[in-house]
PDB file of N, CA and C in Angstrom:
ATOM      1  N   MET A   1      79.655 118.467 119.623  1.00  0.00           N
ATOM      2  CA  MET A   1      78.973 118.974 120.666  1.00  0.00           C
ATOM      3  C   MET A   1      80.367 120.184 121.282  1.00  0.00           C
ATOM      4  N   SER A   2      79.423 120.844 121.953  1.00  0.00           N
ATOM      5  CA  SER A   2      80.189 122.342 122.176  1.00  0.00           C
ATOM      6  C   SER A   2      81.477 121.830 123.164  1.00  0.00           C
ATOM      7  N   ASP A   3      82.109 123.280 123.414  1.00  0.00           N
ATOM      8  CA  ASP A   3      83.346 122.889 124.355  1.00  0.00           C
ATOM      9  C   ASP A   3      82.428 122.962 125.973  1.00  0.00           C
ATOM     10  N   LYS A   4      81.259 123.491 126.252  1.00  0.00           N
ATOM     11  CA  LYS A   4      80.901 123.608 127.332  1.00  0.00           C
ATOM     12  C   LYS A   4      80.369 122.117 127.732  1.00  0.00           C
ATOM     13  N   ALA A   5      80.020 121.349 127.081  1.00  0.00           N
ATOM     14  CA  ALA A   5      79.537 120.117 127.197  1.00  0.00           C
ATOM     15  C   ALA A   5      80.620 119.091 127.330  1.00  0.00           C
ATOM     16  N   PHE A   6      81.767 119.349 126.397  1.00  0.00           N
ATOM     17  CA  PHE A   6      82.755 118.480 126.345  1.00  0.00           C
ATOM     18  C   PHE A   6      83.347 118.298 128.032  1.00  0.00           C
ATOM     19  N   PHE A   7      83.521 120.037 128.301  1.00  0.00           N
ATOM     20  CA  PHE A   7      83.781 120.310 129.921  1.00  0.00           C
ATOM     21  C   PHE A   7      83.326 119.520 130.727  1.00  0.00           C
ATOM     22  N   TYR A   8      81.910 119.975 131.035  1.00  0.00           N
ATOM     23  CA  TYR A   8      81.085 119.237 131.787  1.00  0.00           C
ATOM     24  C   TYR A   8      80.953 117.643 131.642  1.00  0.00           C
ATOM     25  N   SER A   9      81.112 116.943 130.698  1.00  0.00           N
ATOM     26  CA  SER A   9      80.826 115.528 130.262  1.00  0.00           C
ATOM     27  C   SER A   9      82.481 115.123 130.892  1.00  0.00           C
ATOM     28  N   THR A  10      83.197 115.374 130.588  1.00  0.00           N
ATOM     29  CA  THR A  10      84.679 115.265 131.162  1.00  0.00           C
ATOM     30  C   THR A  10      85.076 115.228 132.632  1.00  0.00           C
ATOM     31  N   ALA A  11      84.770 116.291 133.075  1.00  0.00           N
ATOM     32  CA  ALA A  11      84.388 116.551 134.750  1.00  0.00           C
ATOM     33  C   ALA A  11      83.562 115.614 135.193  1.00  0.00           C
ATOM     34  N   GLY A  12      82.475 115.128 134.655  1.00  0.00           N
ATOM     35  CA  GLY A  12      81.650 114.127 135.443  1.00  0.00           C
ATOM     36  C   GLY A  12      81.802 112.905 135.543  1.00  0.00           C
ATOM     37  N   PHE A  13      82.922 112.396 134.413  1.00  0.00           N
ATOM     38  CA  PHE A  13      83.393 111.196 133.956  1.00  0.00           C
ATOM     39  C   PHE A  13      84.443 110.881 134.986  1.00  0.00           C
ATOM     40  N   LEU A  14      85.094 111.881 135.464  1.00  0.00           N
ATOM     41  CA  LEU A  14      86.349 112.070 136.144  1.00  0.00           C
ATOM     42  C   LEU A  14      85.767 112.065 137.747  1.00  0.00           C
ATOM     43  N   LEU A  15      85.002 112.777 137.995  1.00  0.00           N
ATOM     44  CA  LEU A  15      84.551 112.345 139.327  1.00  0.00           C
ATOM     45  C   LEU A  15      83.868 111.375 139.648  1.00  0.00           C
ATOM     46  N   PHE A  16      83.164 111.009 138.441  1.00  0.00           N
ATOM     47  CA  PHE A  16      82.537 109.504 139.095  1.00  0.00           C
ATOM     48  C   PHE A  16      83.867 108.454 138.758  1.00  0.00           C
ATOM     49  N   ASP A  17      84.754 108.305 138.411  1.00  0.00           N
ATOM     50  CA  ASP A  17      86.031 107.518 138.142  1.00  0.00           C
ATOM     51  C   ASP A  17      86.803 107.490 139.412  1.00  0.00           C
ATOM     52  N   SER A  18      86.946 108.618 139.850  1.00  0.00           N
ATOM     53  CA  SER A  18      87.632 109.176 141.426  1.00  0.00           C
ATOM     54  C   SER A  18      87.064 108.739 142.303  1.00  0.00           C
ATOM     55  N   LEU A  19      85.619 108.952 142.421  1.00  0.00           N
ATOM     56  CA  LEU A  19      84.923 108.282 143.368  1.00  0.00           C
ATOM     57  C   LEU A  19      84.876 107.214 143.875  1.00  0.00           C
ATOM     58  N   ILE A  20      84.974 106.200 142.524  1.00  0.00           N
ATOM     59  CA  ILE A  20      84.830 104.702 142.745  1.00  0.00           C
ATOM     60  C   ILE A  20      86.402 104.066 143.053  1.00  0.00           C
ATOM     61  N   ALA A  21      87.238 105.073 142.327  1.00  0.00           N
ATOM     62  CA  ALA A  21      88.972 104.710 143.121  1.00  0.00           C
ATOM     63  C   ALA A  21      88.876 105.466 144.527  1.00  0.00           C
ATOM     64  N   LEU A  22      88.274 106.093 145.067  1.00  0.00           N
ATOM     65  CA  LEU A  22      88.210 106.409 146.229  1.00  0.00           C
ATOM     66  C   LEU A  22      87.907 105.352 147.017  1.00  0.00           C
ATOM     67  N   ALA A  23      86.788 104.915 146.419  1.00  0.00           N
ATOM     68  CA  ALA A  23      85.911 103.593 147.725  1.00  0.00           C
ATOM     69  C   ALA A  23      86.665 102.451 147.434  1.00  0.00           C
ATOM     70  N   CYS A  24      87.540 102.208 146.169  1.00  0.00           N
ATOM     71  CA  CYS A  24      88.197 100.844 145.971  1.00  0.00           C
ATOM     72  C   CYS A  24      89.493 101.070 147.375  1.00  0.00           C
ATOM     73  N   GLY A  25      90.225 102.401 147.170  1.00  0.00           N
ATOM     74  CA  GLY A  25      91.062 102.459 147.897  1.00  0.00           C
ATOM     75  C   GLY A  25      91.092 102.500 149.680  1.00  0.00           C
ATOM     76  N   LEU A  26      89.945 102.973 149.846  1.00  0.00           N
ATOM     77  CA  LEU A  26      89.697 102.580 151.393  1.00  0.00           C
ATOM     78  C   LEU A  26      88.897 101.435 151.566  1.00  0.00           C
ATOM     79  N   ALA A  27      88.593 100.589 151.099  1.00  0.00           N
ATOM     80  CA  ALA A  27      88.422  99.410 151.026  1.00  0.00           C
ATOM     81  C   ALA A  27      89.470  98.283 151.191  1.00  0.00           C
ATOM     82  N   LEU A  28      90.614  98.532 149.938  1.00  0.00           N
ATOM     83  CA  LEU A  28      91.619  97.959 150.278  1.00  0.00           C
ATOM     84  C   LEU A  28      92.457  98.829 150.816  1.00  0.00           C
ATOM     85  N   PRO A  29      93.767  98.594 151.743  1.00  0.00           N
ATOM     86  CA  PRO A  29      94.630  99.463 151.894  1.00  0.00           C
ATOM     87  C   PRO A  29      95.539  99.501 151.485  1.00  0.00           C
ATOM     88  N   GLU A  30      95.156 100.977 150.414  1.00  0.00           N
ATOM     89  CA  GLU A  30      96.028 101.136 149.152  1.00  0.00           C
ATOM     90  C   GLU A  30      96.144 102.585 149.046  1.00  0.00           C
ATOM     91  N   THR A  31      97.287 103.100 149.504  1.00  0.00           N
ATOM     92  CA  THR A  31      97.841 104.480 149.891  1.00  0.00           C
ATOM     93  C   THR A  31      97.524 105.325 148.226  1.00  0.00           C
ATOM     94  N   TRP A  32      98.127 104.446 147.392  1.00  0.00           N
ATOM     95  CA  TRP A  32      98.499 105.263 145.853  1.00  0.00           C
ATOM     96  C   TRP A  32      97.290 105.535 145.302  1.00  0.00           C
ATOM     97  N   MET A  33      96.102 104.480 145.581  1.00  0.00           N
ATOM     98  CA  MET A  33      94.992 104.830 144.864  1.00  0.00           C
ATOM     99  C   MET A  33      93.890 105.795 145.638  1.00  0.00           C
ATOM    100  N   VAL A  34      94.018 105.986 147.067  1.00  0.00           N
ATOM    101  CA  VAL A  34      93.392 107.102 147.595  1.00  0.00           C
ATOM    102  C   VAL A  34      94.051 108.501 147.061  1.00  0.00           C
ATOM    103  N   LEU A  35      95.533 108.470 147.034  1.00  0.00           N
ATOM    104  CA  LEU A  35      95.776 109.452 146.723  1.00  0.00           C
ATOM    105  C   LEU A  35      95.690 110.424 145.175  1.00  0.00           C
ATOM    106  N   GLY A  36      95.598 108.973 144.347  1.00  0.00           N
ATOM    107  CA  GLY A  36      95.219 109.237 142.992  1.00  0.00           C
ATOM    108  C   GLY A  36      93.885 109.856 143.198  1.00  0.00           C
ATOM    109  N   ALA A  37      93.057 109.116 143.915  1.00  0.00           N
ATOM    110  CA  ALA A  37      91.584 109.619 143.924  1.00  0.00           C
ATOM    111  C   ALA A  37      91.142 110.893 144.338  1.00  0.00           C
ATOM    112  N   ILE A  38      92.092 111.305 145.084  1.00  0.00           N
ATOM    113  CA  ILE A  38      91.992 112.899 145.849  1.00  0.00           C
ATOM    114  C   ILE A  38      92.432 113.924 144.409  1.00  0.00           C
ATOM    115  N   ALA A  39      93.120 113.617 144.009  1.00  0.00           N
ATOM    116  CA  ALA A  39      94.174 114.404 142.812  1.00  0.00           C
ATOM    117  C   ALA A  39      92.828 114.495 142.072  1.00  0.00           C
ATOM    118  N   GLY A  40      92.338 113.293 141.312  1.00  0.00           N
ATOM    119  CA  GLY A  40      90.924 113.485 140.337  1.00  0.00           C
ATOM    120  C   GLY A  40      89.936 114.108 141.182  1.00  0.00           C
ATOM    121  N   ILE A  41      89.583 113.874 141.927  1.00  0.00           N
ATOM    122  CA  ILE A  41      88.405 114.840 142.660  1.00  0.00           C
ATOM    123  C   ILE A  41      88.819 116.465 142.446  1.00  0.00           C
ATOM    124  N   ILE A  42      90.012 116.869 142.763  1.00  0.00           N
ATOM    125  CA  ILE A  42      90.591 118.124 142.507  1.00  0.00           C
ATOM    126  C   ILE A  42      90.597 118.514 141.069  1.00  0.00           C
ATOM    127  N   GLY A  43      91.059 117.692 140.243  1.00  0.00           N
ATOM    128  CA  GLY A  43      90.805 117.902 138.960  1.00  0.00           C
ATOM    129  C   GLY A  43      89.349 118.254 138.427  1.00  0.00           C
ATOM    130  N   SER A  44      88.679 117.436 138.571  1.00  0.00           N
ATOM    131  CA  SER A  44      87.223 117.599 138.436  1.00  0.00           C
ATOM    132  C   SER A  44      86.472 118.760 138.980  1.00  0.00           C
ATOM    133  N   ILE A  45      86.689 119.351 139.961  1.00  0.00           N
ATOM    134  CA  ILE A  45      86.576 120.404 140.702  1.00  0.00           C
ATOM    135  C   ILE A  45      86.842 121.698 139.530  1.00  0.00           C
ATOM    136  N   TRP A  46      88.046 121.414 139.109  1.00  0.00           N
ATOM    137  CA  TRP A  46      88.935 122.695 138.372  1.00  0.00           C
ATOM    138  C   TRP A  46      88.466 122.753 136.875  1.00  0.00           C
ATOM    139  N   LEU A  47      87.985 121.180 136.285  1.00  0.00           N
ATOM    140  CA  LEU A  47      87.211 121.006 135.081  1.00  0.00           C
ATOM    141  C   LEU A  47      85.855 121.641 135.202  1.00  0.00           C
ATOM    142  N   PHE A  48      85.069 121.627 136.010  1.00  0.00           N
ATOM    143  CA  PHE A  48      83.801 122.176 136.409  1.00  0.00           C
ATOM    144  C   PHE A  48      83.859 123.716 136.464  1.00  0.00           C
ATOM    145  N   ARG A  49      84.926 124.025 136.887  1.00  0.00           N
ATOM    146  CA  ARG A  49      84.901 125.809 136.695  1.00  0.00           C
ATOM    147  C   ARG A  49      85.491 126.336 135.351  1.00  0.00           C
ATOM    148  N   VAL A  50      85.871 125.460 134.541  1.00  0.00           N
ATOM    149  CA  VAL A  50      86.601 125.655 133.513  1.00  0.00           C
ATOM    150  C   VAL A  50      85.088 125.689 132.520  1.00  0.00           C
ATOM    151  N   ALA A  51      84.239 124.807 132.835  1.00  0.00           N
ATOM    152  CA  ALA A  51      83.359 124.535 131.853  1.00  0.00           C
ATOM    153  C   ALA A  51      82.232 125.563 132.296  1.00  0.00           C
ATOM    154  N   LYS A  52      82.385 126.143 133.542  1.00  0.00           N
ATOM    155  CA  LYS A  52      81.212 127.257 133.893  1.00  0.00           C
ATOM    156  C   LYS A  52      81.624 128.617 133.189  1.00  0.00           C
ATOM    157  N   ARG A  53      83.025 128.715 133.012  1.00  0.00           N
ATOM    158  CA  ARG A  53      83.306 130.067 132.219  1.00  0.00           C
ATOM    159  C   ARG A  53      83.432 129.737 130.897  1.00  0.00           C
ATOM    160  N   THR A  54      83.328 128.424 130.259  1.00  0.00           N
ATOM    161  CA  THR A  54      83.645 128.766 129.055  1.00  0.00           C
ATOM    162  C   THR A  54      81.957 128.908 128.214  1.00  0.00           C
ATOM    163  N   LYS A  55      82.054 129.901 127.034  1.00  0.00           N
ATOM    164  CA  LYS A  55      81.382 130.716 126.410  1.00  0.00           C
ATOM    165  C   LYS A  55      80.577 129.815 125.574  1.00  0.00           C
ATOM    166  N   ASN A  56      80.925 128.640 125.336  1.00  0.00           N
ATOM    167  CA  ASN A  56      80.292 128.083 123.847  1.00  0.00           C
ATOM    168  C   ASN A  56      79.771 126.871 124.565  1.00  0.00           C
TER     169      ASN A  56
END
């Protein structure tokens, strides 16, 4: 697996998990889950940018 594919798949899985955590955190009044989901979404956006700039 190339570096670019690894970063894209990691970012996609992180985004998917973060969106599920956000939905669960909003359904249940859990502030820590919502904050963790927001941090995961920001991290996945950063990973998508890293994957876009990776040459391999």
